[in-house]
């Protein structure tokens, strides 16, 4: 059920991966042209695209279909601690 809550994730650049995931985990994109497969390691994603990495992780946990797409639109990820949603007075939830 989509309860209407928006999620703001900050400090995506500080994500830590355990084990051998930095070199072993691959992220794939394809341009739909012949030979258009692009592969990035998790290390490249953390260094250059931390927001996309967190968005992909969360999107993979959401249900497939219209409900999952609606929930994904309510996700906002930021690499640093600054975000533009201060006017909405978000509450902080700390995960240890």
PDB file of N, CA and C in Angstrom:
ATOM      1  N   UNK A   1       0.854  -1.172   0.000  1.00  0.00           N
ATOM      2  CA  UNK A   1       0.000   0.000   0.000  1.00  0.00           C
ATOM      3  C   UNK A   1       0.896   1.228   0.000  1.00  0.00           C
ATOM      4  N   UNK A   2       0.585   2.182  -0.858  1.00  0.00           N
ATOM      5  CA  UNK A   2       1.304   3.448  -0.888  1.00  0.00           C
ATOM      6  C   UNK A   2       0.603   4.388   0.080  1.00  0.00           C
ATOM      7  N   UNK A   3       1.258   4.718   1.193  1.00  0.00           N
ATOM      8  CA  UNK A   3       0.652   5.542   2.238  1.00  0.00           C
ATOM      9  C   UNK A   3       0.831   7.032   1.991  1.00  0.00           C
ATOM     10  N   UNK A   4       1.518   7.410   0.921  1.00  0.00           N
ATOM     11  CA  UNK A   4       1.683   8.810   0.600  1.00  0.00           C
ATOM     12  C   UNK A   4       2.941   9.443   1.167  1.00  0.00           C
ATOM     13  N   UNK A   5       3.789   8.687   1.840  1.00  0.00           N
ATOM     14  CA  UNK A   5       5.005   9.235   2.427  1.00  0.00           C
ATOM     15  C   UNK A   5       6.090   9.381   1.370  1.00  0.00           C
ATOM     16  N   UNK A   6       6.811  10.480   1.445  1.00  0.00           N
ATOM     17  CA  UNK A   6       7.961  10.723   0.587  1.00  0.00           C
ATOM     18  C   UNK A   6       9.217  10.365   1.368  1.00  0.00           C
ATOM     19  N   UNK A   7      10.229   9.858   0.687  1.00  0.00           N
ATOM     20  CA  UNK A   7      11.473   9.453   1.325  1.00  0.00           C
ATOM     21  C   UNK A   7      12.602  10.309   0.775  1.00  0.00           C
ATOM     22  N   UNK A   8      13.402  10.894   1.673  1.00  0.00           N
ATOM     23  CA  UNK A   8      14.569  11.686   1.298  1.00  0.00           C
ATOM     24  C   UNK A   8      15.792  10.972   1.869  1.00  0.00           C
ATOM     25  N   UNK A   9      16.697  10.541   1.002  1.00  0.00           N
ATOM     26  CA  UNK A   9      17.926   9.886   1.433  1.00  0.00           C
ATOM     27  C   UNK A   9      19.076  10.853   1.188  1.00  0.00           C
ATOM     28  N   UNK A  10      19.842  11.138   2.230  1.00  0.00           N
ATOM     29  CA  UNK A  10      20.978  12.054   2.108  1.00  0.00           C
ATOM     30  C   UNK A  10      22.265  11.275   2.351  1.00  0.00           C
ATOM     31  N   UNK A  11      23.381  11.862   1.974  1.00  0.00           N
ATOM     32  CA  UNK A  11      24.718  11.284   2.139  1.00  0.00           C
ATOM     33  C   UNK A  11      24.871   9.957   1.405  1.00  0.00           C
ATOM     34  N   UNK A  12      24.394   9.889   0.173  1.00  0.00           N
ATOM     35  CA  UNK A  12      24.524   8.665  -0.619  1.00  0.00           C
ATOM     36  C   UNK A  12      25.987   8.383  -0.954  1.00  0.00           C
ATOM     37  N   UNK A  13      26.826   9.402  -0.917  1.00  0.00           N
ATOM     38  CA  UNK A  13      28.243   9.201  -1.237  1.00  0.00           C
ATOM     39  C   UNK A  13      28.975   8.432  -0.147  1.00  0.00           C
ATOM     40  N   UNK A  14      28.368   8.286   1.033  1.00  0.00           N
ATOM     41  CA  UNK A  14      29.001   7.608   2.158  1.00  0.00           C
ATOM     42  C   UNK A  14      28.568   6.150   2.292  1.00  0.00           C
ATOM     43  N   UNK A  15      27.984   5.576   1.262  1.00  0.00           N
ATOM     44  CA  UNK A  15      27.522   4.187   1.308  1.00  0.00           C
ATOM     45  C   UNK A  15      28.730   3.257   1.377  1.00  0.00           C
ATOM     46  N   UNK A  16      28.650   2.261   2.243  1.00  0.00           N
ATOM     47  CA  UNK A  16      29.716   1.276   2.381  1.00  0.00           C
ATOM     48  C   UNK A  16      29.211  -0.079   1.897  1.00  0.00           C
ATOM     49  N   UNK A  17      30.062  -0.787   1.168  1.00  0.00           N
ATOM     50  CA  UNK A  17      29.745  -2.134   0.715  1.00  0.00           C
ATOM     51  C   UNK A  17      30.705  -3.102   1.392  1.00  0.00           C
ATOM     52  N   UNK A  18      30.209  -4.265   1.759  1.00  0.00           N
ATOM     53  CA  UNK A  18      31.029  -5.246   2.462  1.00  0.00           C
ATOM     54  C   UNK A  18      31.562  -6.292   1.495  1.00  0.00           C
ATOM     55  N   UNK A  19      32.566  -7.001   1.951  1.00  0.00           N
ATOM     56  CA  UNK A  19      33.112  -8.103   1.167  1.00  0.00           C
ATOM     57  C   UNK A  19      33.811  -7.624  -0.090  1.00  0.00           C
ATOM     58  N   UNK A  20      33.665  -8.389  -1.146  1.00  0.00           N
ATOM     59  CA  UNK A  20      34.338  -8.119  -2.413  1.00  0.00           C
ATOM     60  C   UNK A  20      33.408  -7.415  -3.409  1.00  0.00           C
ATOM     61  N   UNK A  21      32.371  -6.749  -2.909  1.00  0.00           N
ATOM     62  CA  UNK A  21      31.376  -6.156  -3.796  1.00  0.00           C
ATOM     63  C   UNK A  21      31.916  -4.992  -4.616  1.00  0.00           C
ATOM     64  N   UNK A  22      32.897  -4.252  -4.099  1.00  0.00           N
ATOM     65  CA  UNK A  22      33.415  -3.106  -4.841  1.00  0.00           C
ATOM     66  C   UNK A  22      33.986  -3.520  -6.188  1.00  0.00           C
ATOM     67  N   UNK A  23      34.596  -4.685  -6.264  1.00  0.00           N
ATOM     68  CA  UNK A  23      35.161  -5.152  -7.531  1.00  0.00           C
ATOM     69  C   UNK A  23      34.290  -6.200  -8.213  1.00  0.00           C
ATOM     70  N   UNK A  24      33.532  -6.964  -7.442  1.00  0.00           N
ATOM     71  CA  UNK A  24      32.776  -8.069  -8.008  1.00  0.00           C
ATOM     72  C   UNK A  24      31.397  -7.701  -8.515  1.00  0.00           C
ATOM     73  N   UNK A  25      30.749  -6.720  -7.906  1.00  0.00           N
ATOM     74  CA  UNK A  25      29.395  -6.345  -8.300  1.00  0.00           C
ATOM     75  C   UNK A  25      29.444  -5.476  -9.546  1.00  0.00           C
ATOM     76  N   UNK A  26      28.615  -5.804 -10.522  1.00  0.00           N
ATOM     77  CA  UNK A  26      28.574  -5.074 -11.797  1.00  0.00           C
ATOM     78  C   UNK A  26      27.200  -4.435 -11.996  1.00  0.00           C
ATOM     79  N   UNK A  27      27.206  -3.283 -12.598  1.00  0.00           N
ATOM     80  CA  UNK A  27      25.981  -2.591 -12.987  1.00  0.00           C
ATOM     81  C   UNK A  27      25.966  -2.501 -14.503  1.00  0.00           C
ATOM     82  N   UNK A  28      24.858  -2.891 -15.109  1.00  0.00           N
ATOM     83  CA  UNK A  28      24.768  -2.961 -16.560  1.00  0.00           C
ATOM     84  C   UNK A  28      23.757  -1.950 -17.089  1.00  0.00           C
ATOM     85  N   UNK A  29      24.109  -1.313 -18.203  1.00  0.00           N
ATOM     86  CA  UNK A  29      23.201  -0.469 -18.983  1.00  0.00           C
ATOM     87  C   UNK A  29      23.334  -0.892 -20.433  1.00  0.00           C
ATOM     88  N   UNK A  30      22.255  -0.828 -21.160  1.00  0.00           N
ATOM     89  CA  UNK A  30      22.324  -1.147 -22.581  1.00  0.00           C
ATOM     90  C   UNK A  30      21.578  -0.071 -23.349  1.00  0.00           C
ATOM     91  N   UNK A  31      22.175   0.406 -24.437  1.00  0.00           N
ATOM     92  CA  UNK A  31      21.585   1.478 -25.234  1.00  0.00           C
ATOM     93  C   UNK A  31      20.584   0.951 -26.258  1.00  0.00           C
ATOM     94  N   UNK A  32      20.419  -0.357 -26.338  1.00  0.00           N
ATOM     95  CA  UNK A  32      19.545  -1.044 -27.301  1.00  0.00           C
ATOM     96  C   UNK A  32      20.088  -0.997 -28.720  1.00  0.00           C
ATOM     97  N   UNK A  33      21.330  -0.632 -28.867  1.00  0.00           N
ATOM     98  CA  UNK A  33      22.041  -0.738 -30.135  1.00  0.00           C
ATOM     99  C   UNK A  33      23.009  -1.905 -30.029  1.00  0.00           C
ATOM    100  N   UNK A  34      23.386  -2.460 -31.170  1.00  0.00           N
ATOM    101  CA  UNK A  34      24.325  -3.566 -31.174  1.00  0.00           C
ATOM    102  C   UNK A  34      25.649  -3.111 -30.559  1.00  0.00           C
ATOM    103  N   UNK A  35      26.154  -3.875 -29.608  1.00  0.00           N
ATOM    104  CA  UNK A  35      27.394  -3.522 -28.938  1.00  0.00           C
ATOM    105  C   UNK A  35      27.236  -2.406 -27.939  1.00  0.00           C
ATOM    106  N   UNK A  36      26.015  -2.092 -27.520  1.00  0.00           N
ATOM    107  CA  UNK A  36      25.763  -0.958 -26.643  1.00  0.00           C
ATOM    108  C   UNK A  36      25.735  -1.291 -25.165  1.00  0.00           C
ATOM    109  N   UNK A  37      26.299  -2.435 -24.763  1.00  0.00           N
ATOM    110  CA  UNK A  37      26.318  -2.807 -23.356  1.00  0.00           C
ATOM    111  C   UNK A  37      27.439  -2.058 -22.645  1.00  0.00           C
ATOM    112  N   UNK A  38      27.104  -1.395 -21.552  1.00  0.00           N
ATOM    113  CA  UNK A  38      28.080  -0.689 -20.738  1.00  0.00           C
ATOM    114  C   UNK A  38      28.079  -1.311 -19.348  1.00  0.00           C
ATOM    115  N   UNK A  39      29.239  -1.632 -18.847  1.00  0.00           N
ATOM    116  CA  UNK A  39      29.382  -2.274 -17.544  1.00  0.00           C
ATOM    117  C   UNK A  39      30.203  -1.380 -16.628  1.00  0.00           C
ATOM    118  N   UNK A  40      29.725  -1.210 -15.403  1.00  0.00           N
ATOM    119  CA  UNK A  40      30.461  -0.448 -14.391  1.00  0.00           C
ATOM    120  C   UNK A  40      30.581  -1.303 -13.143  1.00  0.00           C
ATOM    121  N   UNK A  41      31.691  -1.183 -12.439  1.00  0.00           N
ATOM    122  CA  UNK A  41      31.835  -1.870 -11.161  1.00  0.00           C
ATOM    123  C   UNK A  41      31.201  -1.016 -10.070  1.00  0.00           C
ATOM    124  N   UNK A  42      31.010  -1.627  -8.913  1.00  0.00           N
ATOM    125  CA  UNK A  42      30.430  -0.895  -7.787  1.00  0.00           C
ATOM    126  C   UNK A  42      31.366   0.225  -7.332  1.00  0.00           C
ATOM    127  N   UNK A  43      32.673   0.030  -7.458  1.00  0.00           N
ATOM    128  CA  UNK A  43      33.621   1.088  -7.094  1.00  0.00           C
ATOM    129  C   UNK A  43      33.407   2.333  -7.959  1.00  0.00           C
ATOM    130  N   UNK A  44      33.229   2.153  -9.265  1.00  0.00           N
ATOM    131  CA  UNK A  44      32.968   3.285 -10.157  1.00  0.00           C
ATOM    132  C   UNK A  44      31.659   3.969  -9.803  1.00  0.00           C
ATOM    133  N   UNK A  45      30.651   3.179  -9.437  1.00  0.00           N
ATOM    134  CA  UNK A  45      29.355   3.757  -9.097  1.00  0.00           C
ATOM    135  C   UNK A  45      29.448   4.571  -7.810  1.00  0.00           C
ATOM    136  N   UNK A  46      30.158   4.073  -6.808  1.00  0.00           N
ATOM    137  CA  UNK A  46      30.289   4.799  -5.543  1.00  0.00           C
ATOM    138  C   UNK A  46      31.043   6.100  -5.757  1.00  0.00           C
ATOM    139  N   UNK A  47      32.096   6.067  -6.559  1.00  0.00           N
ATOM    140  CA  UNK A  47      32.916   7.260  -6.760  1.00  0.00           C
ATOM    141  C   UNK A  47      32.244   8.291  -7.654  1.00  0.00           C
ATOM    142  N   UNK A  48      31.578   7.849  -8.730  1.00  0.00           N
ATOM    143  CA  UNK A  48      31.064   8.789  -9.719  1.00  0.00           C
ATOM    144  C   UNK A  48      29.554   8.971  -9.704  1.00  0.00           C
ATOM    145  N   UNK A  49      28.800   7.916  -9.350  1.00  0.00           N
ATOM    146  CA  UNK A  49      27.342   7.963  -9.441  1.00  0.00           C
ATOM    147  C   UNK A  49      26.685   7.394  -8.179  1.00  0.00           C
ATOM    148  N   UNK A  50      26.950   7.961  -7.002  1.00  0.00           N
ATOM    149  CA  UNK A  50      26.381   7.376  -5.789  1.00  0.00           C
ATOM    150  C   UNK A  50      24.859   7.472  -5.727  1.00  0.00           C
ATOM    151  N   UNK A  51      24.296   8.525  -6.286  1.00  0.00           N
ATOM    152  CA  UNK A  51      22.841   8.684  -6.262  1.00  0.00           C
ATOM    153  C   UNK A  51      22.173   7.591  -7.084  1.00  0.00           C
ATOM    154  N   UNK A  52      22.700   7.338  -8.269  1.00  0.00           N
ATOM    155  CA  UNK A  52      22.123   6.308  -9.129  1.00  0.00           C
ATOM    156  C   UNK A  52      22.243   4.934  -8.495  1.00  0.00           C
ATOM    157  N   UNK A  53      23.325   4.673  -7.802  1.00  0.00           N
ATOM    158  CA  UNK A  53      23.518   3.373  -7.173  1.00  0.00           C
ATOM    159  C   UNK A  53      22.469   3.130  -6.090  1.00  0.00           C
ATOM    160  N   UNK A  54      22.213   4.125  -5.252  1.00  0.00           N
ATOM    161  CA  UNK A  54      21.209   3.983  -4.197  1.00  0.00           C
ATOM    162  C   UNK A  54      19.808   3.883  -4.808  1.00  0.00           C
ATOM    163  N   UNK A  55      19.536   4.677  -5.841  1.00  0.00           N
ATOM    164  CA  UNK A  55      18.229   4.603  -6.493  1.00  0.00           C
ATOM    165  C   UNK A  55      17.981   3.224  -7.097  1.00  0.00           C
ATOM    166  N   UNK A  56      18.988   2.639  -7.721  1.00  0.00           N
ATOM    167  CA  UNK A  56      18.848   1.305  -8.293  1.00  0.00           C
ATOM    168  C   UNK A  56      18.604   0.266  -7.206  1.00  0.00           C
ATOM    169  N   UNK A  57      19.296   0.404  -6.070  1.00  0.00           N
ATOM    170  CA  UNK A  57      19.125  -0.547  -4.976  1.00  0.00           C
ATOM    171  C   UNK A  57      17.701  -0.493  -4.431  1.00  0.00           C
ATOM    172  N   UNK A  58      17.185   0.709  -4.211  1.00  0.00           N
ATOM    173  CA  UNK A  58      15.836   0.855  -3.677  1.00  0.00           C
ATOM    174  C   UNK A  58      14.806   0.413  -4.711  1.00  0.00           C
ATOM    175  N   UNK A  59      15.019   0.768  -5.971  1.00  0.00           N
ATOM    176  CA  UNK A  59      14.077   0.397  -7.022  1.00  0.00           C
ATOM    177  C   UNK A  59      13.984  -1.117  -7.171  1.00  0.00           C
ATOM    178  N   UNK A  60      15.086  -1.816  -6.938  1.00  0.00           N
ATOM    179  CA  UNK A  60      15.067  -3.266  -7.017  1.00  0.00           C
ATOM    180  C   UNK A  60      14.272  -3.916  -5.901  1.00  0.00           C
ATOM    181  N   UNK A  61      14.063  -3.208  -4.804  1.00  0.00           N
ATOM    182  CA  UNK A  61      13.304  -3.744  -3.678  1.00  0.00           C
ATOM    183  C   UNK A  61      11.815  -3.444  -3.771  1.00  0.00           C
ATOM    184  N   UNK A  62      11.429  -2.567  -4.683  1.00  0.00           N
ATOM    185  CA  UNK A  62      10.021  -2.197  -4.810  1.00  0.00           C
ATOM    186  C   UNK A  62       9.287  -3.205  -5.683  1.00  0.00           C
ATOM    187  N   UNK A  63       7.964  -3.312  -5.530  1.00  0.00           N
ATOM    188  CA  UNK A  63       7.207  -4.241  -6.365  1.00  0.00           C
ATOM    189  C   UNK A  63       7.193  -3.789  -7.823  1.00  0.00           C
ATOM    190  N   UNK A  64       7.116  -4.765  -8.720  1.00  0.00           N
ATOM    191  CA  UNK A  64       7.016  -4.449 -10.144  1.00  0.00           C
ATOM    192  C   UNK A  64       5.578  -4.079 -10.472  1.00  0.00           C
ATOM    193  N   UNK A  65       5.409  -3.084 -11.320  1.00  0.00           N
ATOM    194  CA  UNK A  65       4.074  -2.683 -11.731  1.00  0.00           C
ATOM    195  C   UNK A  65       3.784  -1.240 -11.375  1.00  0.00           C
ATOM    196  N   UNK A  66       2.538  -0.830 -11.529  1.00  0.00           N
ATOM    197  CA  UNK A  66       2.170   0.572 -11.310  1.00  0.00           C
ATOM    198  C   UNK A  66       2.408   1.046  -9.874  1.00  0.00           C
ATOM    199  N   UNK A  67       2.173   0.195  -8.890  1.00  0.00           N
ATOM    200  CA  UNK A  67       2.366   0.604  -7.499  1.00  0.00           C
ATOM    201  C   UNK A  67       3.840   0.885  -7.211  1.00  0.00           C
ATOM    202  N   UNK A  68       4.732   0.042  -7.711  1.00  0.00           N
ATOM    203  CA  UNK A  68       6.158   0.255  -7.501  1.00  0.00           C
ATOM    204  C   UNK A  68       6.648   1.522  -8.178  1.00  0.00           C
ATOM    205  N   UNK A  69       6.157   1.793  -9.375  1.00  0.00           N
ATOM    206  CA  UNK A  69       6.558   3.027 -10.071  1.00  0.00           C
ATOM    207  C   UNK A  69       6.052   4.255  -9.327  1.00  0.00           C
ATOM    208  N   UNK A  70       4.854   4.180  -8.765  1.00  0.00           N
ATOM    209  CA  UNK A  70       4.300   5.298  -7.997  1.00  0.00           C
ATOM    210  C   UNK A  70       5.119   5.528  -6.729  1.00  0.00           C
ATOM    211  N   UNK A  71       5.548   4.462  -6.087  1.00  0.00           N
ATOM    212  CA  UNK A  71       6.360   4.583  -4.882  1.00  0.00           C
ATOM    213  C   UNK A  71       7.753   5.123  -5.213  1.00  0.00           C
ATOM    214  N   UNK A  72       8.308   4.706  -6.347  1.00  0.00           N
ATOM    215  CA  UNK A  72       9.649   5.158  -6.745  1.00  0.00           C
ATOM    216  C   UNK A  72       9.670   6.657  -7.026  1.00  0.00           C
ATOM    217  N   UNK A  73       8.578   7.201  -7.518  1.00  0.00           N
ATOM    218  CA  UNK A  73       8.516   8.641  -7.794  1.00  0.00           C
ATOM    219  C   UNK A  73       8.569   9.469  -6.523  1.00  0.00           C
ATOM    220  N   UNK A  74       8.309   8.870  -5.381  1.00  0.00           N
ATOM    221  CA  UNK A  74       8.338   9.593  -4.112  1.00  0.00           C
ATOM    222  C   UNK A  74       9.677   9.462  -3.394  1.00  0.00           C
ATOM    223  N   UNK A  75      10.690   8.961  -4.096  1.00  0.00           N
ATOM    224  CA  UNK A  75      12.027   8.799  -3.532  1.00  0.00           C
ATOM    225  C   UNK A  75      12.933   9.918  -4.036  1.00  0.00           C
ATOM    226  N   UNK A  76      13.659  10.537  -3.110  1.00  0.00           N
ATOM    227  CA  UNK A  76      14.622  11.573  -3.460  1.00  0.00           C
ATOM    228  C   UNK A  76      15.950  11.213  -2.807  1.00  0.00           C
ATOM    229  N   UNK A  77      17.001  11.112  -3.615  1.00  0.00           N
ATOM    230  CA  UNK A  77      18.320  10.728  -3.121  1.00  0.00           C
ATOM    231  C   UNK A  77      19.298  11.862  -3.415  1.00  0.00           C
ATOM    232  N   UNK A  78      20.122  12.204  -2.422  1.00  0.00           N
ATOM    233  CA  UNK A  78      21.111  13.263  -2.572  1.00  0.00           C
ATOM    234  C   UNK A  78      22.471  12.752  -2.122  1.00  0.00           C
ATOM    235  N   UNK A  79      23.524  13.128  -2.845  1.00  0.00           N
ATOM    236  CA  UNK A  79      24.872  12.667  -2.533  1.00  0.00           C
ATOM    237  C   UNK A  79      25.387  13.277  -1.232  1.00  0.00           C
ATOM    238  N   UNK A  80      25.082  14.528  -0.974  1.00  0.00           N
ATOM    239  CA  UNK A  80      25.541  15.205   0.240  1.00  0.00           C
ATOM    240  C   UNK A  80      24.429  15.347   1.256  1.00  0.00           C
ATOM    241  N   UNK A  81      24.698  16.148   2.274  1.00  0.00           N
ATOM    242  CA  UNK A  81      23.706  16.318   3.335  1.00  0.00           C
ATOM    243  C   UNK A  81      22.694  17.419   3.030  1.00  0.00           C
ATOM    244  N   UNK A  82      22.923  18.199   1.998  1.00  0.00           N
ATOM    245  CA  UNK A  82      22.006  19.286   1.640  1.00  0.00           C
ATOM    246  C   UNK A  82      20.928  18.779   0.700  1.00  0.00           C
ATOM    247  N   UNK A  83      19.691  19.227   0.937  1.00  0.00           N
ATOM    248  CA  UNK A  83      18.594  18.901   0.034  1.00  0.00           C
ATOM    249  C   UNK A  83      17.625  20.074  -0.006  1.00  0.00           C
ATOM    250  N   UNK A  84      16.718  20.056  -0.958  1.00  0.00           N
ATOM    251  CA  UNK A  84      15.828  21.202  -1.183  1.00  0.00           C
ATOM    252  C   UNK A  84      14.450  21.017  -0.567  1.00  0.00           C
ATOM    253  N   UNK A  85      14.304  20.116   0.397  1.00  0.00           N
ATOM    254  CA  UNK A  85      12.993  19.816   0.960  1.00  0.00           C
ATOM    255  C   UNK A  85      12.839  20.314   2.387  1.00  0.00           C
ATOM    256  N   UNK A  86      13.618  21.302   2.789  1.00  0.00           N
ATOM    257  CA  UNK A  86      13.538  21.825   4.153  1.00  0.00           C
ATOM    258  C   UNK A  86      12.186  22.476   4.431  1.00  0.00           C
ATOM    259  N   UNK A  87      11.541  23.043   3.438  1.00  0.00           N
ATOM    260  CA  UNK A  87      10.258  23.712   3.642  1.00  0.00           C
ATOM    261  C   UNK A  87       9.168  22.723   4.046  1.00  0.00           C
ATOM    262  N   UNK A  88       9.327  21.456   3.712  1.00  0.00           N
ATOM    263  CA  UNK A  88       8.327  20.451   4.070  1.00  0.00           C
ATOM    264  C   UNK A  88       8.534  19.898   5.481  1.00  0.00           C
ATOM    265  N   UNK A  89       9.577  20.349   6.182  1.00  0.00           N
ATOM    266  CA  UNK A  89       9.893  19.940   7.552  1.00  0.00           C
ATOM    267  C   UNK A  89       9.962  18.423   7.700  1.00  0.00           C
ATOM    268  N   UNK A  90      10.906  17.780   7.008  1.00  0.00           N
ATOM    269  CA  UNK A  90      11.010  16.324   7.124  1.00  0.00           C
ATOM    270  C   UNK A  90      11.524  15.904   8.497  1.00  0.00           C
ATOM    271  N   UNK A  91      11.076  14.741   8.937  1.00  0.00           N
ATOM    272  CA  UNK A  91      11.561  14.189  10.208  1.00  0.00           C
ATOM    273  C   UNK A  91      12.723  13.247   9.910  1.00  0.00           C
ATOM    274  N   UNK A  92      13.682  13.195  10.810  1.00  0.00           N
ATOM    275  CA  UNK A  92      14.874  12.378  10.626  1.00  0.00           C
ATOM    276  C   UNK A  92      14.680  11.024  11.266  1.00  0.00           C
ATOM    277  N   UNK A  93      15.012   9.979  10.507  1.00  0.00           N
ATOM    278  CA  UNK A  93      15.016   8.615  11.018  1.00  0.00           C
ATOM    279  C   UNK A  93      16.433   8.104  10.886  1.00  0.00           C
ATOM    280  N   UNK A  94      17.070   7.771  12.005  1.00  0.00           N
ATOM    281  CA  UNK A  94      18.444   7.301  11.991  1.00  0.00           C
ATOM    282  C   UNK A  94      18.450   5.779  11.998  1.00  0.00           C
ATOM    283  N   UNK A  95      19.213   5.200  11.077  1.00  0.00           N
ATOM    284  CA  UNK A  95      19.341   3.749  10.993  1.00  0.00           C
ATOM    285  C   UNK A  95      20.750   3.386  11.420  1.00  0.00           C
ATOM    286  N   UNK A  96      20.863   2.558  12.431  1.00  0.00           N
ATOM    287  CA  UNK A  96      22.183   2.181  12.948  1.00  0.00           C
ATOM    288  C   UNK A  96      22.631   0.876  12.390  1.00  0.00           C
TER     289      UNK A  96
END
